Amino acid sequence: MIVAAFYRFLGLENLEALRSRLEGLAAGLGLKGTVLLAEEGINGGLRGAREALDAFMAALCEDRRFAGMPVRLSTAAPGNPVFNRLKVRIKPEIVSFGRPEVDPLKATGQRVGAAGWNALLDRPEVQVVDVRNAYETAIGGFPGALDPDTERFRDFPAFVEEALNPEAHPEVALYCTGGIRCEKASAYLLDRGFETVHQLDGGILNYLASVPAQESRWRGDCFVFDQRVAVDGQLRQGRHRQCFAGR
C-alpha cells in the first residue's frame, strides 16, 4: 500500500464544487485518506494502489493551478489500512496556525534541497529549528536542532517570542515533516524581521527519500499523522505505536 502526501498554497475559489469533484474522483479510485481545502490552498494525504494514486494526481493536475505539485510517497506495513475512510473537507486553513495575517503566498524562506541540507547543518552560525510538536520530536530529528517543545503548531509564535530574536539569530533554518508547516513558520519569521530564513524543501519525507542512507543526518523515526504512527529512515512503517485514548 502506497501513501501520497501533497500540498500547495494558492488562492482557491468555489471550494464546494472542488470538494465534490475531488471526493468523487478519490472515491471512484478506491482511495482513503484526508484532503483539506481552504481559500489558501490544498493539503492531502491519501493511500491506495500506486496506479490509483497516479490516476488521482494526474486528474487533479489537469487543473493548471495544481500542475507540478510535488507528491511525497511512502509505504505502510502489510495489513495496515493507514486511513479508515475518505474525507474531503473545507477548512479555514490547510494547516492550523491561527495567524491569518501570515501569508505564505507573499514570502517564505529560502528553500534548501535535500542535497544542500547537510551543508547547512554544518554551519555553526545557522540556528536550526524543528518546527514540529513535542510528541513528534521525541522519536526522531536532526541532532543539534532547537526543539520548541510545543503541543500544537499554533504555539510556535509564542516559542519564537521566548527563544528567538532577529539580532541573536540572524540566520535560521526550519524543518518539518512534509514542508507545509515551514511555509507558515518561515513567513511568520520574515514578518518578525528575521534576516535570513531557510526551509527544508519537501520536509523530512523528501530528505529521507533523496539522501543516501550513509549520508543521512536524520536519527530515529519520523512521526506521521495516520495509523502508521511513524516511518523509519527508509520511509517504511516504523516501530512506534500510539495510544489514541490518551490524545
C-alpha atoms as a PDB file:
ATOM      1  CA  MET A   1       0.000   0.000   0.000  1.00  0.00           C
ATOM      2  CA  ILE A   2       1.339   3.414  -1.006  1.00  0.00           C
ATOM      3  CA  VAL A   3       0.725   6.682   0.842  1.00  0.00           C
ATOM      4  CA  ALA A   4       0.875  10.000  -1.042  1.00  0.00           C
ATOM      5  CA  ALA A   5       1.220  13.381   0.693  1.00  0.00           C
ATOM      6  CA  PHE A   6       0.857  16.691  -1.139  1.00  0.00           C
ATOM      7  CA  TYR A   7       0.070  20.355  -0.560  1.00  0.00           C
ATOM      8  CA  ARG A   8       0.134  23.708  -2.281  1.00  0.00           C
ATOM      9  CA  PHE A   9      -0.614  27.238  -1.132  1.00  0.00           C
ATOM     10  CA  LEU A  10      -2.641  29.126  -3.736  1.00  0.00           C
ATOM     11  CA  GLY A  11      -5.806  31.155  -3.895  1.00  0.00           C
ATOM     12  CA  LEU A  12      -8.838  28.888  -4.294  1.00  0.00           C
ATOM     13  CA  GLU A  13     -12.455  29.758  -5.022  1.00  0.00           C
ATOM     14  CA  ASN A  14     -15.619  27.696  -5.470  1.00  0.00           C
ATOM     15  CA  LEU A  15     -14.475  25.337  -2.736  1.00  0.00           C
ATOM     16  CA  GLU A  16     -17.653  23.292  -2.527  1.00  0.00           C
ATOM     17  CA  ALA A  17     -17.543  22.427  -6.226  1.00  0.00           C
ATOM     18  CA  LEU A  18     -13.871  21.449  -5.925  1.00  0.00           C
ATOM     19  CA  ARG A  19     -14.591  19.413  -2.790  1.00  0.00           C
ATOM     20  CA  SER A  20     -17.352  17.494  -4.546  1.00  0.00           C
ATOM     21  CA  ARG A  21     -15.191  16.775  -7.608  1.00  0.00           C
ATOM     22  CA  LEU A  22     -12.193  15.535  -5.610  1.00  0.00           C
ATOM     23  CA  GLU A  23     -14.333  13.409  -3.320  1.00  0.00           C
ATOM     24  CA  GLY A  24     -15.981  11.712  -6.282  1.00  0.00           C
ATOM     25  CA  LEU A  25     -12.644  11.191  -8.006  1.00  0.00           C
ATOM     26  CA  ALA A  26     -10.921   9.693  -4.948  1.00  0.00           C
ATOM     27  CA  ALA A  27     -13.901   7.503  -4.053  1.00  0.00           C
ATOM     28  CA  GLY A  28     -14.111   6.174  -7.590  1.00  0.00           C
ATOM     29  CA  LEU A  29     -10.458   5.128  -7.403  1.00  0.00           C
ATOM     30  CA  GLY A  30     -10.873   3.414  -4.043  1.00  0.00           C
ATOM     31  CA  LEU A  31      -8.627   5.851  -2.165  1.00  0.00           C
ATOM     32  CA  LYS A  32      -8.810   6.543   1.565  1.00  0.00           C
ATOM     33  CA  GLY A  33      -7.410   9.489   3.497  1.00  0.00           C
ATOM     34  CA  THR A  34      -7.964  13.180   4.027  1.00  0.00           C
ATOM     35  CA  VAL A  35      -7.904  16.162   1.684  1.00  0.00           C
ATOM     36  CA  LEU A  36      -8.283  19.624   3.214  1.00  0.00           C
ATOM     37  CA  LEU A  37      -9.345  22.604   1.126  1.00  0.00           C
ATOM     38  CA  ALA A  38      -9.295  26.264   2.119  1.00  0.00           C
ATOM     39  CA  GLU A  39      -9.108  29.589   0.377  1.00  0.00           C
ATOM     40  CA  GLU A  40      -5.346  29.401   0.987  1.00  0.00           C
ATOM     41  CA  GLY A  41      -4.830  26.058  -0.791  1.00  0.00           C
ATOM     42  CA  ILE A  42      -4.901  22.256  -0.593  1.00  0.00           C
ATOM     43  CA  ASN A  43      -3.331  19.709   1.773  1.00  0.00           C
ATOM     44  CA  GLY A  44      -3.815  15.977   1.331  1.00  0.00           C
ATOM     45  CA  GLY A  45      -2.771  12.515   2.412  1.00  0.00           C
ATOM     46  CA  LEU A  46      -4.196   9.512   0.541  1.00  0.00           C
ATOM     47  CA  ARG A  47      -3.455   5.805   0.437  1.00  0.00           C
ATOM     48  CA  GLY A  48      -4.172   3.231  -2.199  1.00  0.00           C
ATOM     49  CA  ALA A  49      -2.637   1.314  -5.070  1.00  0.00           C
ATOM     50  CA  ARG A  50       0.084   3.181  -6.931  1.00  0.00           C
ATOM     51  CA  GLU A  51      -1.938   3.158 -10.146  1.00  0.00           C
ATOM     52  CA  ALA A  52      -4.952   4.701  -8.404  1.00  0.00           C
ATOM     53  CA  LEU A  53      -2.855   7.402  -6.756  1.00  0.00           C
ATOM     54  CA  ASP A  54      -1.180   8.206 -10.069  1.00  0.00           C
ATOM     55  CA  ALA A  55      -4.599   8.493 -11.716  1.00  0.00           C
ATOM     56  CA  PHE A  56      -5.876  10.810  -8.976  1.00  0.00           C
ATOM     57  CA  MET A  57      -2.865  13.126  -9.180  1.00  0.00           C
ATOM     58  CA  ALA A  58      -2.968  13.161 -12.980  1.00  0.00           C
ATOM     59  CA  ALA A  59      -6.626  14.182 -12.925  1.00  0.00           C
ATOM     60  CA  LEU A  60      -6.025  16.786 -10.219  1.00  0.00           C
ATOM     61  CA  CYS A  61      -3.101  18.285 -12.108  1.00  0.00           C
ATOM     62  CA  GLU A  62      -5.161  18.711 -15.246  1.00  0.00           C
ATOM     63  CA  ASP A  63      -6.249  21.830 -13.388  1.00  0.00           C
ATOM     64  CA  ARG A  64      -3.251  24.058 -14.099  1.00  0.00           C
ATOM     65  CA  ARG A  65      -3.445  25.538 -10.605  1.00  0.00           C
ATOM     66  CA  PHE A  66      -2.156  22.205  -9.292  1.00  0.00           C
ATOM     67  CA  ALA A  67       0.190  21.361 -12.180  1.00  0.00           C
ATOM     68  CA  GLY A  68       3.615  20.254 -10.986  1.00  0.00           C
ATOM     69  CA  MET A  69       2.567  19.943  -7.347  1.00  0.00           C
ATOM     70  CA  PRO A  70       5.141  17.752  -5.562  1.00  0.00           C
ATOM     71  CA  VAL A  71       3.940  14.422  -4.156  1.00  0.00           C
ATOM     72  CA  ARG A  72       5.795  12.586  -1.363  1.00  0.00           C
ATOM     73  CA  LEU A  73       5.410   8.800  -1.375  1.00  0.00           C
ATOM     74  CA  SER A  74       5.942   6.338   1.466  1.00  0.00           C
ATOM     75  CA  THR A  75       4.767   2.824   2.345  1.00  0.00           C
ATOM     76  CA  ALA A  76       2.771   1.025   5.032  1.00  0.00           C
ATOM     77  CA  ALA A  77       3.203  -2.412   6.565  1.00  0.00           C
ATOM     78  CA  PRO A  78       1.008  -5.185   5.129  1.00  0.00           C
ATOM     79  CA  GLY A  79      -2.411  -5.150   6.753  1.00  0.00           C
ATOM     80  CA  ASN A  80      -2.237  -1.533   7.947  1.00  0.00           C
ATOM     81  CA  PRO A  81      -5.123   0.425   6.382  1.00  0.00           C
ATOM     82  CA  VAL A  82      -3.367   3.754   7.164  1.00  0.00           C
ATOM     83  CA  PHE A  83      -6.702   5.582   6.828  1.00  0.00           C
ATOM     84  CA  ASN A  84     -10.102   4.024   7.526  1.00  0.00           C
ATOM     85  CA  ARG A  85     -12.179   6.287   5.324  1.00  0.00           C
ATOM     86  CA  LEU A  86     -12.128   9.131   2.833  1.00  0.00           C
ATOM     87  CA  LYS A  87     -12.663  12.724   3.986  1.00  0.00           C
ATOM     88  CA  VAL A  88     -12.577  15.782   1.730  1.00  0.00           C
ATOM     89  CA  ARG A  89     -13.269  18.824   3.876  1.00  0.00           C
ATOM     90  CA  ILE A  90     -13.345  22.593   3.655  1.00  0.00           C
ATOM     91  CA  LYS A  91     -11.460  24.306   6.484  1.00  0.00           C
ATOM     92  CA  PRO A  92     -10.403  27.864   7.403  1.00  0.00           C
ATOM     93  CA  GLU A  93      -6.739  26.807   6.994  1.00  0.00           C
ATOM     94  CA  ILE A  94      -4.998  23.833   5.387  1.00  0.00           C
ATOM     95  CA  VAL A  95      -2.592  23.803   8.336  1.00  0.00           C
ATOM     96  CA  SER A  96      -3.810  25.413  11.537  1.00  0.00           C
ATOM     97  CA  PHE A  97      -1.601  28.323  12.626  1.00  0.00           C
ATOM     98  CA  GLY A  98      -4.151  30.819  13.897  1.00  0.00           C
ATOM     99  CA  ARG A  99      -2.414  33.882  12.429  1.00  0.00           C
ATOM    100  CA  PRO A 100      -4.469  34.977   9.409  1.00  0.00           C
ATOM    101  CA  GLU A 101      -2.054  37.834   8.699  1.00  0.00           C
ATOM    102  CA  VAL A 102       0.696  35.309   7.851  1.00  0.00           C
ATOM    103  CA  ASP A 103       0.542  34.660   4.103  1.00  0.00           C
ATOM    104  CA  PRO A 104       2.970  32.150   2.531  1.00  0.00           C
ATOM    105  CA  LEU A 105       1.998  33.459  -0.899  1.00  0.00           C
ATOM    106  CA  LYS A 106       3.734  36.759  -0.115  1.00  0.00           C
ATOM    107  CA  ALA A 107       7.076  35.490   1.168  1.00  0.00           C
ATOM    108  CA  THR A 108       8.574  32.305   2.609  1.00  0.00           C
ATOM    109  CA  GLY A 109      12.039  31.091   3.489  1.00  0.00           C
ATOM    110  CA  GLN A 110      14.741  30.151   1.027  1.00  0.00           C
ATOM    111  CA  ARG A 111      14.144  26.552   0.000  1.00  0.00           C
ATOM    112  CA  VAL A 112      17.052  24.203   0.616  1.00  0.00           C
ATOM    113  CA  GLY A 113      17.007  20.884  -1.204  1.00  0.00           C
ATOM    114  CA  ALA A 114      17.839  17.629   0.481  1.00  0.00           C
ATOM    115  CA  ALA A 115      21.296  17.629  -1.097  1.00  0.00           C
ATOM    116  CA  GLY A 116      22.155  21.022   0.395  1.00  0.00           C
ATOM    117  CA  TRP A 117      20.651  20.457   3.836  1.00  0.00           C
ATOM    118  CA  ASN A 118      23.685  18.623   5.263  1.00  0.00           C
ATOM    119  CA  ALA A 119      25.952  21.528   4.335  1.00  0.00           C
ATOM    120  CA  LEU A 120      23.578  23.901   6.096  1.00  0.00           C
ATOM    121  CA  LEU A 121      23.632  21.723   9.224  1.00  0.00           C
ATOM    122  CA  ASP A 122      27.425  22.063   9.300  1.00  0.00           C
ATOM    123  CA  ARG A 123      27.359  25.852   9.516  1.00  0.00           C
ATOM    124  CA  PRO A 124      27.606  26.824  13.217  1.00  0.00           C
ATOM    125  CA  GLU A 125      26.184  30.305  12.629  1.00  0.00           C
ATOM    126  CA  VAL A 126      22.857  28.849  11.436  1.00  0.00           C
ATOM    127  CA  GLN A 127      20.238  28.153  14.100  1.00  0.00           C
ATOM    128  CA  VAL A 128      18.369  25.001  13.041  1.00  0.00           C
ATOM    129  CA  VAL A 129      14.803  24.808  14.389  1.00  0.00           C
ATOM    130  CA  ASP A 130      12.475  21.794  14.402  1.00  0.00           C
ATOM    131  CA  VAL A 131       9.002  23.185  13.672  1.00  0.00           C
ATOM    132  CA  ARG A 132       7.168  20.043  14.822  1.00  0.00           C
ATOM    133  CA  ASN A 133       5.479  19.298  18.139  1.00  0.00           C
ATOM    134  CA  ALA A 134       6.921  17.580  21.202  1.00  0.00           C
ATOM    135  CA  TYR A 135       5.357  14.158  20.525  1.00  0.00           C
ATOM    136  CA  GLU A 136       6.973  14.251  17.069  1.00  0.00           C
ATOM    137  CA  THR A 137      10.433  15.457  18.089  1.00  0.00           C
ATOM    138  CA  ALA A 138      10.549  12.819  20.848  1.00  0.00           C
ATOM    139  CA  ILE A 139      11.033   9.965  18.363  1.00  0.00           C
ATOM    140  CA  GLY A 140      13.427  11.494  15.836  1.00  0.00           C
ATOM    141  CA  GLY A 141      15.133  14.563  14.462  1.00  0.00           C
ATOM    142  CA  PHE A 142      18.324  16.193  13.252  1.00  0.00           C
ATOM    143  CA  PRO A 143      20.836  16.280  16.131  1.00  0.00           C
ATOM    144  CA  GLY A 144      21.523  19.773  17.431  1.00  0.00           C
ATOM    145  CA  ALA A 145      18.245  21.298  16.256  1.00  0.00           C
ATOM    146  CA  LEU A 146      16.369  23.569  18.622  1.00  0.00           C
ATOM    147  CA  ASP A 147      13.203  21.842  19.855  1.00  0.00           C
ATOM    148  CA  PRO A 148      10.296  24.249  20.536  1.00  0.00           C
ATOM    149  CA  ASP A 149       8.609  21.638  22.794  1.00  0.00           C
ATOM    150  CA  THR A 150       5.176  22.754  21.576  1.00  0.00           C
ATOM    151  CA  GLU A 151       1.898  20.868  21.947  1.00  0.00           C
ATOM    152  CA  ARG A 152       0.458  22.238  18.712  1.00  0.00           C
ATOM    153  CA  PHE A 153       1.590  24.317  15.742  1.00  0.00           C
ATOM    154  CA  ARG A 154      -0.408  27.318  16.982  1.00  0.00           C
ATOM    155  CA  ASP A 155       2.086  27.531  19.874  1.00  0.00           C
ATOM    156  CA  PHE A 156       5.019  28.236  17.542  1.00  0.00           C
ATOM    157  CA  PRO A 157       4.687  32.066  17.610  1.00  0.00           C
ATOM    158  CA  ALA A 158       4.875  32.030  21.428  1.00  0.00           C
ATOM    159  CA  PHE A 159       8.039  29.915  21.207  1.00  0.00           C
ATOM    160  CA  VAL A 160       9.575  32.412  18.782  1.00  0.00           C
ATOM    161  CA  GLU A 161       8.833  35.293  21.147  1.00  0.00           C
ATOM    162  CA  GLU A 162      10.550  33.468  24.010  1.00  0.00           C
ATOM    163  CA  ALA A 163      13.502  31.758  22.354  1.00  0.00           C
ATOM    164  CA  LEU A 164      14.432  33.535  19.108  1.00  0.00           C
ATOM    165  CA  ASN A 165      15.139  37.095  18.045  1.00  0.00           C
ATOM    166  CA  PRO A 166      16.478  38.596  14.815  1.00  0.00           C
ATOM    167  CA  GLU A 167      19.585  40.104  16.396  1.00  0.00           C
ATOM    168  CA  ALA A 168      20.797  36.927  18.110  1.00  0.00           C
ATOM    169  CA  HIS A 169      19.631  34.594  15.352  1.00  0.00           C
ATOM    170  CA  PRO A 170      20.001  36.393  12.002  1.00  0.00           C
ATOM    171  CA  GLU A 171      20.096  33.101  10.083  1.00  0.00           C
ATOM    172  CA  VAL A 172      17.568  30.372  10.861  1.00  0.00           C
ATOM    173  CA  ALA A 173      16.860  27.030   9.162  1.00  0.00           C
ATOM    174  CA  LEU A 174      13.497  25.302   9.645  1.00  0.00           C
ATOM    175  CA  TYR A 175      12.345  21.751   9.022  1.00  0.00           C
ATOM    176  CA  CYS A 176       9.104  19.807   9.477  1.00  0.00           C
ATOM    177  CA  THR A 177       7.524  16.577   8.228  1.00  0.00           C
ATOM    178  CA  GLY A 178       6.477  17.462   4.687  1.00  0.00           C
ATOM    179  CA  GLY A 179       7.271  21.160   4.407  1.00  0.00           C
ATOM    180  CA  ILE A 180       3.842  22.694   4.903  1.00  0.00           C
ATOM    181  CA  ARG A 181       4.356  23.979   8.440  1.00  0.00           C
ATOM    182  CA  CYS A 182       7.656  25.563   7.411  1.00  0.00           C
ATOM    183  CA  GLU A 183       5.792  27.627   4.823  1.00  0.00           C
ATOM    184  CA  LYS A 184       3.828  29.430   7.528  1.00  0.00           C
ATOM    185  CA  ALA A 185       6.609  29.360  10.129  1.00  0.00           C
ATOM    186  CA  SER A 186       9.119  30.941   7.744  1.00  0.00           C
ATOM    187  CA  ALA A 187       6.585  33.550   6.621  1.00  0.00           C
ATOM    188  CA  TYR A 188       5.994  34.398  10.285  1.00  0.00           C
ATOM    189  CA  LEU A 189       9.733  34.774  10.999  1.00  0.00           C
ATOM    190  CA  LEU A 190      10.201  37.021   7.984  1.00  0.00           C
ATOM    191  CA  ASP A 191       7.299  39.171   9.203  1.00  0.00           C
ATOM    192  CA  ARG A 192       9.065  39.391  12.573  1.00  0.00           C
ATOM    193  CA  GLY A 193      12.219  40.788  10.983  1.00  0.00           C
ATOM    194  CA  PHE A 194      14.476  37.747  10.760  1.00  0.00           C
ATOM    195  CA  GLU A 195      17.041  38.458   8.067  1.00  0.00           C
ATOM    196  CA  THR A 196      17.679  35.031   6.508  1.00  0.00           C
ATOM    197  CA  VAL A 197      15.308  32.098   6.856  1.00  0.00           C
ATOM    198  CA  HIS A 198      15.891  28.724   5.190  1.00  0.00           C
ATOM    199  CA  GLN A 199      13.418  25.843   4.979  1.00  0.00           C
ATOM    200  CA  LEU A 200      13.990  22.201   4.102  1.00  0.00           C
ATOM    201  CA  ASP A 201      12.182  21.821   0.784  1.00  0.00           C
ATOM    202  CA  GLY A 202       9.705  18.941   0.943  1.00  0.00           C
ATOM    203  CA  GLY A 203      10.470  18.404   4.595  1.00  0.00           C
ATOM    204  CA  ILE A 204      11.830  15.312   6.290  1.00  0.00           C
ATOM    205  CA  LEU A 205       9.965  12.986   3.927  1.00  0.00           C
ATOM    206  CA  ASN A 206      11.699  14.436   0.881  1.00  0.00           C
ATOM    207  CA  TYR A 207      15.062  14.381   2.662  1.00  0.00           C
ATOM    208  CA  LEU A 208      14.729  10.688   3.554  1.00  0.00           C
ATOM    209  CA  ALA A 209      13.641   9.866   0.002  1.00  0.00           C
ATOM    210  CA  SER A 210      16.538  11.764  -1.578  1.00  0.00           C
ATOM    211  CA  VAL A 211      19.618  11.348   0.627  1.00  0.00           C
ATOM    212  CA  PRO A 212      21.557   8.040   0.600  1.00  0.00           C
ATOM    213  CA  ALA A 213      21.320   6.250   3.945  1.00  0.00           C
ATOM    214  CA  GLN A 214      25.060   6.520   4.542  1.00  0.00           C
ATOM    215  CA  GLU A 215      24.891  10.313   4.163  1.00  0.00           C
ATOM    216  CA  SER A 216      21.721  10.901   6.148  1.00  0.00           C
ATOM    217  CA  ARG A 217      21.959  13.030   9.300  1.00  0.00           C
ATOM    218  CA  TRP A 218      18.473  12.000  10.373  1.00  0.00           C
ATOM    219  CA  ARG A 219      18.246   9.990  13.595  1.00  0.00           C
ATOM    220  CA  GLY A 220      15.230   7.981  14.727  1.00  0.00           C
ATOM    221  CA  ASP A 221      11.787   7.766  13.160  1.00  0.00           C
ATOM    222  CA  CYS A 222       9.537  10.422  11.648  1.00  0.00           C
ATOM    223  CA  PHE A 223       6.039  10.832  13.088  1.00  0.00           C
ATOM    224  CA  VAL A 224       3.239  10.791  10.512  1.00  0.00           C
ATOM    225  CA  PHE A 225      -0.415  11.669  11.032  1.00  0.00           C
ATOM    226  CA  ASP A 226      -2.023   8.343  10.186  1.00  0.00           C
ATOM    227  CA  GLN A 227      -2.275   4.806  11.534  1.00  0.00           C
ATOM    228  CA  ARG A 228       1.356   4.023  10.742  1.00  0.00           C
ATOM    229  CA  VAL A 229       2.323   6.484  13.537  1.00  0.00           C
ATOM    230  CA  ALA A 230       5.874   6.809  12.160  1.00  0.00           C
ATOM    231  CA  VAL A 231       8.162   5.893   9.276  1.00  0.00           C
ATOM    232  CA  ASP A 232      11.826   4.984   9.511  1.00  0.00           C
ATOM    233  CA  GLY A 233      14.809   6.360   7.617  1.00  0.00           C
ATOM    234  CA  GLN A 234      13.838   4.342   4.536  1.00  0.00           C
ATOM    235  CA  LEU A 235      10.205   5.587   4.659  1.00  0.00           C
ATOM    236  CA  ARG A 236       8.913   2.209   5.816  1.00  0.00           C
ATOM    237  CA  GLN A 237       6.398   1.898   8.629  1.00  0.00           C
ATOM    238  CA  GLY A 238       8.264   2.371  11.912  1.00  0.00           C
ATOM    239  CA  ARG A 239       8.152   0.517  15.210  1.00  0.00           C
ATOM    240  CA  HIS A 240       6.188   3.075  17.217  1.00  0.00           C
ATOM    241  CA  ARG A 241       2.621   2.673  18.418  1.00  0.00           C
ATOM    242  CA  GLN A 242       0.231   5.318  19.689  1.00  0.00           C
ATOM    243  CA  CYS A 243      -2.408   5.202  22.414  1.00  0.00           C
ATOM    244  CA  PHE A 244      -5.283   7.133  20.838  1.00  0.00           C
ATOM    245  CA  ALA A 245      -7.227   7.082  24.107  1.00  0.00           C
ATOM    246  CA  GLY A 246      -4.554   9.332  25.595  1.00  0.00           C
ATOM    247  CA  ARG A 247      -4.789  12.089  22.968  1.00  0.00           C
END
